[in-house]
PDB file of all heavy atoms in Angstrom:
ATOM      1  N   GLU A   1     107.103  10.713  -3.748  1.00  0.00           N
ATOM      2  CA  GLU A   1     106.399   9.667  -3.005  1.00  0.00           C
ATOM      3  C   GLU A   1     104.961  10.132  -2.843  1.00  0.00           C
ATOM      4  O   GLU A   1     104.704  11.273  -2.435  1.00  0.00           O
ATOM      5  CB  GLU A   1     107.052   9.457  -1.642  1.00  0.00           C
ATOM      6  CG  GLU A   1     106.508   8.283  -0.885  1.00  0.00           C
ATOM      7  CD  GLU A   1     107.300   7.979   0.379  1.00  0.00           C
ATOM      8  OE1 GLU A   1     108.501   8.287   0.442  1.00  0.00           O
ATOM      9  OE2 GLU A   1     106.679   7.421   1.301  1.00  0.00           O
ATOM     10  N   PHE A   2     104.019   9.244  -3.164  1.00  0.00           N
ATOM     11  CA  PHE A   2     102.614   9.632  -3.168  1.00  0.00           C
ATOM     12  C   PHE A   2     101.751   8.417  -2.893  1.00  0.00           C
ATOM     13  O   PHE A   2     101.516   7.603  -3.771  1.00  0.00           O
ATOM     14  CB  PHE A   2     102.262  10.252  -4.532  1.00  0.00           C
ATOM     15  CG  PHE A   2     100.899  10.854  -4.601  1.00  0.00           C
ATOM     16  CD1 PHE A   2     100.683  12.162  -4.217  1.00  0.00           C
ATOM     17  CD2 PHE A   2      99.827  10.109  -5.071  1.00  0.00           C
ATOM     18  CE1 PHE A   2      99.416  12.730  -4.294  1.00  0.00           C
ATOM     19  CE2 PHE A   2      98.555  10.662  -5.155  1.00  0.00           C
ATOM     20  CZ  PHE A   2      98.354  11.981  -4.764  1.00  0.00           C
ATOM     21  N   GLU A   3     101.318   8.280  -1.659  1.00  0.00           N
ATOM     22  CA  GLU A   3     100.389   7.227  -1.250  1.00  0.00           C
ATOM     23  C   GLU A   3      99.218   7.938  -0.593  1.00  0.00           C
ATOM     24  O   GLU A   3      99.313   8.351   0.569  1.00  0.00           O
ATOM     25  CB  GLU A   3     101.043   6.255  -0.254  1.00  0.00           C
ATOM     26  CG  GLU A   3     102.174   5.433  -0.825  1.00  0.00           C
ATOM     27  CD  GLU A   3     101.709   4.420  -1.844  1.00  0.00           C
ATOM     28  OE1 GLU A   3     100.551   3.967  -1.761  1.00  0.00           O
ATOM     29  OE2 GLU A   3     102.505   4.090  -2.732  1.00  0.00           O
ATOM     30  N   PRO A   4      98.115   8.148  -1.326  1.00  0.00           N
ATOM     31  CA  PRO A   4      97.006   8.939  -0.785  1.00  0.00           C
ATOM     32  C   PRO A   4      96.616   8.544   0.634  1.00  0.00           C
ATOM     33  O   PRO A   4      96.494   7.363   0.956  1.00  0.00           O
ATOM     34  CB  PRO A   4      95.871   8.675  -1.775  1.00  0.00           C
ATOM     35  CG  PRO A   4      96.594   8.439  -3.065  1.00  0.00           C
ATOM     36  CD  PRO A   4      97.820   7.654  -2.669  1.00  0.00           C
ATOM     37  N   TYR A   5      96.450   9.578   1.467  1.00  0.00           N
ATOM     38  CA  TYR A   5      96.034   9.480   2.867  1.00  0.00           C
ATOM     39  C   TYR A   5      97.097   8.866   3.773  1.00  0.00           C
ATOM     40  O   TYR A   5      96.848   8.683   4.953  1.00  0.00           O
ATOM     41  CB  TYR A   5      94.711   8.713   3.027  1.00  0.00           C
ATOM     42  CG  TYR A   5      93.691   9.053   1.975  1.00  0.00           C
ATOM     43  CD1 TYR A   5      93.193   8.071   1.139  1.00  0.00           C
ATOM     44  CD2 TYR A   5      93.251  10.357   1.789  1.00  0.00           C
ATOM     45  CE1 TYR A   5      92.250   8.379   0.154  1.00  0.00           C
ATOM     46  CE2 TYR A   5      92.324  10.675   0.799  1.00  0.00           C
ATOM     47  CZ  TYR A   5      91.830   9.685  -0.013  1.00  0.00           C
ATOM     48  OH  TYR A   5      90.917   9.985  -0.989  1.00  0.00           O
ATOM     49  N   GLU A   6      98.285   8.569   3.237  1.00  0.00           N
ATOM     50  CA  GLU A   6      99.326   7.927   4.042  1.00  0.00           C
ATOM     51  C   GLU A   6     100.680   8.629   3.967  1.00  0.00           C
ATOM     52  O   GLU A   6     101.288   8.882   5.002  1.00  0.00           O
ATOM     53  CB  GLU A   6      99.499   6.468   3.629  1.00  0.00           C
ATOM     54  CG  GLU A   6      98.297   5.612   3.935  1.00  0.00           C
ATOM     55  CD  GLU A   6      98.484   4.177   3.480  1.00  0.00           C
ATOM     56  OE1 GLU A   6      99.595   3.800   3.068  1.00  0.00           O
ATOM     57  OE2 GLU A   6      97.495   3.429   3.526  1.00  0.00           O
ATOM     58  N   SER A   7     101.190   8.876   2.757  1.00  0.00           N
ATOM     59  CA  SER A   7     102.531   9.464   2.668  1.00  0.00           C
ATOM     60  C   SER A   7     102.678  10.327   1.419  1.00  0.00           C
ATOM     61  O   SER A   7     102.102  10.034   0.366  1.00  0.00           O
ATOM     62  CB  SER A   7     103.610   8.381   2.698  1.00  0.00           C
ATOM     63  OG  SER A   7     103.542   7.573   1.541  1.00  0.00           O
ATOM     64  N   LEU A   8     103.459  11.370   1.587  1.00  0.00           N
ATOM     65  CA  LEU A   8     103.740  12.321   0.524  1.00  0.00           C
ATOM     66  C   LEU A   8     105.153  12.832   0.740  1.00  0.00           C
ATOM     67  O   LEU A   8     105.537  13.113   1.882  1.00  0.00           O
ATOM     68  CB  LEU A   8     102.741  13.487   0.604  1.00  0.00           C
ATOM     69  CG  LEU A   8     102.920  14.654  -0.365  1.00  0.00           C
ATOM     70  CD1 LEU A   8     102.642  14.217  -1.801  1.00  0.00           C
ATOM     71  CD2 LEU A   8     101.984  15.798   0.020  1.00  0.00           C
ATOM     72  N   ALA A   9     105.936  12.923  -0.325  1.00  0.00           N
ATOM     73  CA  ALA A   9     107.291  13.453  -0.189  1.00  0.00           C
ATOM     74  C   ALA A   9     107.726  14.104  -1.488  1.00  0.00           C
ATOM     75  O   ALA A   9     107.303  13.691  -2.577  1.00  0.00           O
ATOM     76  CB  ALA A   9     108.275  12.351   0.197  1.00  0.00           C
ATOM     77  N   TRP A  10     108.555  15.128  -1.349  1.00  0.00           N
ATOM     78  CA  TRP A  10     109.098  15.805  -2.515  1.00  0.00           C
ATOM     79  C   TRP A  10     110.545  16.167  -2.252  1.00  0.00           C
ATOM     80  O   TRP A  10     110.981  16.304  -1.118  1.00  0.00           O
ATOM     81  CB  TRP A  10     108.286  17.057  -2.863  1.00  0.00           C
ATOM     82  CG  TRP A  10     108.176  18.072  -1.762  1.00  0.00           C
ATOM     83  CD1 TRP A  10     109.117  18.996  -1.376  1.00  0.00           C
ATOM     84  CD2 TRP A  10     107.064  18.260  -0.883  1.00  0.00           C
ATOM     85  NE1 TRP A  10     108.649  19.747  -0.330  1.00  0.00           N
ATOM     86  CE2 TRP A  10     107.391  19.324  -0.013  1.00  0.00           C
ATOM     87  CE3 TRP A  10     105.821  17.657  -0.764  1.00  0.00           C
ATOM     88  CZ2 TRP A  10     106.518  19.778   0.975  1.00  0.00           C
ATOM     89  CZ3 TRP A  10     104.960  18.115   0.221  1.00  0.00           C
ATOM     90  CH2 TRP A  10     105.312  19.157   1.064  1.00  0.00           C
ATOM     91  N   ASP A  11     111.294  16.308  -3.342  1.00  0.00           N
ATOM     92  CA  ASP A  11     112.643  16.841  -3.215  1.00  0.00           C
ATOM     93  C   ASP A  11     112.561  18.339  -3.462  1.00  0.00           C
ATOM     94  O   ASP A  11     111.563  18.851  -3.964  1.00  0.00           O
ATOM     95  CB  ASP A  11     113.630  16.147  -4.156  1.00  0.00           C
ATOM     96  CG  ASP A  11     113.383  16.452  -5.624  1.00  0.00           C
ATOM     97  OD1 ASP A  11     112.378  17.109  -5.983  1.00  0.00           O
ATOM     98  OD2 ASP A  11     114.207  16.022  -6.445  1.00  0.00           O
ATOM     99  N   SER A  12     113.586  19.044  -3.079  1.00  0.00           N
ATOM    100  CA  SER A  12     113.655  20.489  -3.286  1.00  0.00           C
ATOM    101  C   SER A  12     115.071  20.874  -3.651  1.00  0.00           C
ATOM    102  O   SER A  12     116.030  20.404  -3.032  1.00  0.00           O
ATOM    103  CB  SER A  12     113.233  21.241  -2.019  1.00  0.00           C
ATOM    104  OG  SER A  12     111.878  21.023  -1.736  1.00  0.00           O
ATOM    105  N   GLN A  13     115.157  21.726  -4.656  1.00  0.00           N
ATOM    106  CA  GLN A  13     116.457  22.203  -5.130  1.00  0.00           C
ATOM    107  C   GLN A  13     116.448  23.727  -5.135  1.00  0.00           C
ATOM    108  O   GLN A  13     115.479  24.334  -5.591  1.00  0.00           O
ATOM    109  CB  GLN A  13     116.736  21.710  -6.553  1.00  0.00           C
ATOM    110  CG  GLN A  13     116.544  20.229  -6.774  1.00  0.00           C
ATOM    111  CD  GLN A  13     117.542  19.390  -6.017  1.00  0.00           C
ATOM    112  OE1 GLN A  13     118.697  19.750  -5.896  1.00  0.00           O
ATOM    113  NE2 GLN A  13     117.094  18.271  -5.482  1.00  0.00           N
ATOM    114  N   ALA A  14     117.515  24.308  -4.652  1.00  0.00           N
ATOM    115  CA  ALA A  14     117.734  25.749  -4.722  1.00  0.00           C
ATOM    116  C   ALA A  14     119.229  25.960  -4.614  1.00  0.00           C
ATOM    117  O   ALA A  14     119.991  25.016  -4.328  1.00  0.00           O
ATOM    118  CB  ALA A  14     117.001  26.475  -3.603  1.00  0.00           C
ATOM    119  N   PHE A  15     119.665  27.168  -4.815  1.00  0.00           N
ATOM    120  CA  PHE A  15     121.094  27.456  -4.716  1.00  0.00           C
ATOM    121  C   PHE A  15     121.603  27.051  -3.335  1.00  0.00           C
ATOM    122  O   PHE A  15     121.128  27.542  -2.314  1.00  0.00           O
ATOM    123  CB  PHE A  15     121.359  28.955  -4.948  1.00  0.00           C
ATOM    124  CG  PHE A  15     122.798  29.320  -4.760  1.00  0.00           C
ATOM    125  CD1 PHE A  15     123.722  29.012  -5.734  1.00  0.00           C
ATOM    126  CD2 PHE A  15     123.220  29.937  -3.595  1.00  0.00           C
ATOM    127  CE1 PHE A  15     125.056  29.326  -5.553  1.00  0.00           C
ATOM    128  CE2 PHE A  15     124.547  30.249  -3.407  1.00  0.00           C
ATOM    129  CZ  PHE A  15     125.473  29.952  -4.394  1.00  0.00           C
ATOM    130  N   GLY A  16     122.527  26.100  -3.301  1.00  0.00           N
ATOM    131  CA  GLY A  16     123.144  25.677  -2.049  1.00  0.00           C
ATOM    132  C   GLY A  16     122.305  24.784  -1.166  1.00  0.00           C
ATOM    133  O   GLY A  16     122.688  24.506  -0.032  1.00  0.00           O
ATOM    134  N   ILE A  17     121.153  24.309  -1.668  1.00  0.00           N
ATOM    135  CA  ILE A  17     120.282  23.446  -0.864  1.00  0.00           C
ATOM    136  C   ILE A  17     119.763  22.294  -1.709  1.00  0.00           C
ATOM    137  O   ILE A  17     119.285  22.488  -2.824  1.00  0.00           O
ATOM    138  CB  ILE A  17     119.067  24.219  -0.305  1.00  0.00           C
ATOM    139  CG1 ILE A  17     119.512  25.314   0.656  1.00  0.00           C
ATOM    140  CG2 ILE A  17     118.098  23.267   0.399  1.00  0.00           C
ATOM    141  CD1 ILE A  17     118.391  26.192   1.151  1.00  0.00           C
ATOM    142  N   ASN A  18     119.874  21.104  -1.172  1.00  0.00           N
ATOM    143  CA  ASN A  18     119.286  19.902  -1.749  1.00  0.00           C
ATOM    144  C   ASN A  18     118.516  19.241  -0.606  1.00  0.00           C
ATOM    145  O   ASN A  18     119.117  18.856   0.396  1.00  0.00           O
ATOM    146  CB  ASN A  18     120.391  18.986  -2.284  1.00  0.00           C
ATOM    147  CG  ASN A  18     119.854  17.791  -3.011  1.00  0.00           C
ATOM    148  OD1 ASN A  18     118.670  17.707  -3.313  1.00  0.00           O
ATOM    149  ND2 ASN A  18     120.721  16.841  -3.287  1.00  0.00           N
ATOM    150  N   ALA A  19     117.192  19.162  -0.729  1.00  0.00           N
ATOM    151  CA  ALA A  19     116.376  18.709   0.402  1.00  0.00           C
ATOM    152  C   ALA A  19     115.386  17.630  -0.016  1.00  0.00           C
ATOM    153  O   ALA A  19     115.090  17.451  -1.199  1.00  0.00           O
ATOM    154  CB  ALA A  19     115.620  19.903   0.987  1.00  0.00           C
ATOM    155  N   TYR A  20     114.878  16.932   0.992  1.00  0.00           N
ATOM    156  CA  TYR A  20     113.824  15.945   0.810  1.00  0.00           C
ATOM    157  C   TYR A  20     112.874  16.094   1.988  1.00  0.00           C
ATOM    158  O   TYR A  20     113.289  16.028   3.152  1.00  0.00           O
ATOM    159  CB  TYR A  20     114.395  14.522   0.768  1.00  0.00           C
ATOM    160  CG  TYR A  20     113.424  13.488   0.271  1.00  0.00           C
ATOM    161  CD1 TYR A  20     113.164  13.364  -1.091  1.00  0.00           C
ATOM    162  CD2 TYR A  20     112.789  12.614   1.145  1.00  0.00           C
ATOM    163  CE1 TYR A  20     112.278  12.405  -1.567  1.00  0.00           C
ATOM    164  CE2 TYR A  20     111.907  11.648   0.677  1.00  0.00           C
ATOM    165  CZ  TYR A  20     111.658  11.557  -0.678  1.00  0.00           C
ATOM    166  OH  TYR A  20     110.782  10.607  -1.153  1.00  0.00           O
ATOM    167  N   HIS A  21     111.594  16.330   1.702  1.00  0.00           N
ATOM    168  CA  HIS A  21     110.598  16.583   2.740  1.00  0.00           C
ATOM    169  C   HIS A  21     109.504  15.514   2.627  1.00  0.00           C
ATOM    170  O   HIS A  21     108.868  15.401   1.589  1.00  0.00           O
ATOM    171  CB  HIS A  21     110.006  17.978   2.540  1.00  0.00           C
ATOM    172  CG  HIS A  21     109.212  18.446   3.716  1.00  0.00           C
ATOM    173  ND1 HIS A  21     108.960  19.768   3.937  1.00  0.00           N
ATOM    174  CD2 HIS A  21     108.598  17.789   4.736  1.00  0.00           C
ATOM    175  CE1 HIS A  21     108.233  19.900   5.034  1.00  0.00           C
ATOM    176  NE2 HIS A  21     108.001  18.706   5.530  1.00  0.00           N
ATOM    177  N   ALA A  22     109.302  14.768   3.698  1.00  0.00           N
ATOM    178  CA  ALA A  22     108.328  13.670   3.706  1.00  0.00           C
ATOM    179  C   ALA A  22     107.270  13.893   4.773  1.00  0.00           C
ATOM    180  O   ALA A  22     107.540  14.454   5.838  1.00  0.00           O
ATOM    181  CB  ALA A  22     109.049  12.342   3.960  1.00  0.00           C
ATOM    182  N   TRP A  23     106.067  13.429   4.473  1.00  0.00           N
ATOM    183  CA  TRP A  23     104.926  13.497   5.381  1.00  0.00           C
ATOM    184  C   TRP A  23     104.337  12.102   5.535  1.00  0.00           C
ATOM    185  O   TRP A  23     104.168  11.392   4.542  1.00  0.00           O
ATOM    186  CB  TRP A  23     103.844  14.404   4.802  1.00  0.00           C
ATOM    187  CG  TRP A  23     104.245  15.832   4.658  1.00  0.00           C
ATOM    188  CD1 TRP A  23     105.006  16.378   3.660  1.00  0.00           C
ATOM    189  CD2 TRP A  23     103.904  16.906   5.523  1.00  0.00           C
ATOM    190  NE1 TRP A  23     105.144  17.720   3.856  1.00  0.00           N
ATOM    191  CE2 TRP A  23     104.473  18.079   4.989  1.00  0.00           C
ATOM    192  CE3 TRP A  23     103.146  17.001   6.691  1.00  0.00           C
ATOM    193  CZ2 TRP A  23     104.323  19.321   5.600  1.00  0.00           C
ATOM    194  CZ3 TRP A  23     102.995  18.233   7.298  1.00  0.00           C
ATOM    195  CH2 TRP A  23     103.589  19.379   6.748  1.00  0.00           C
ATOM    196  N   LEU A  24     104.014  11.723   6.757  1.00  0.00           N
ATOM    197  CA  LEU A  24     103.360  10.448   7.035  1.00  0.00           C
ATOM    198  C   LEU A  24     102.081  10.720   7.820  1.00  0.00           C
ATOM    199  O   LEU A  24     102.091  11.511   8.773  1.00  0.00           O
ATOM    200  CB  LEU A  24     104.271   9.534   7.855  1.00  0.00           C
ATOM    201  CG  LEU A  24     105.603   9.150   7.210  1.00  0.00           C
ATOM    202  CD1 LEU A  24     106.473   8.404   8.210  1.00  0.00           C
ATOM    203  CD2 LEU A  24     105.380   8.320   5.969  1.00  0.00           C
ATOM    204  N   ILE A  25     101.003  10.072   7.425  1.00  0.00           N
ATOM    205  CA  ILE A  25      99.713  10.234   8.087  1.00  0.00           C
ATOM    206  C   ILE A  25      99.262   8.857   8.564  1.00  0.00           C
ATOM    207  O   ILE A  25      99.131   7.937   7.762  1.00  0.00           O
ATOM    208  CB  ILE A  25      98.670  10.843   7.127  1.00  0.00           C
ATOM    209  CG1 ILE A  25      99.150  12.195   6.602  1.00  0.00           C
ATOM    210  CG2 ILE A  25      97.317  10.961   7.825  1.00  0.00           C
ATOM    211  CD1 ILE A  25      98.282  12.772   5.489  1.00  0.00           C
TER     212      ILE A  25
END
């Protein structure tokens, strides 16, 4: 997710972890 100056998000994968991290401005 990428909306400049408003929102950014990424997924993350590692052993035993599946994550989603979002930022709102």
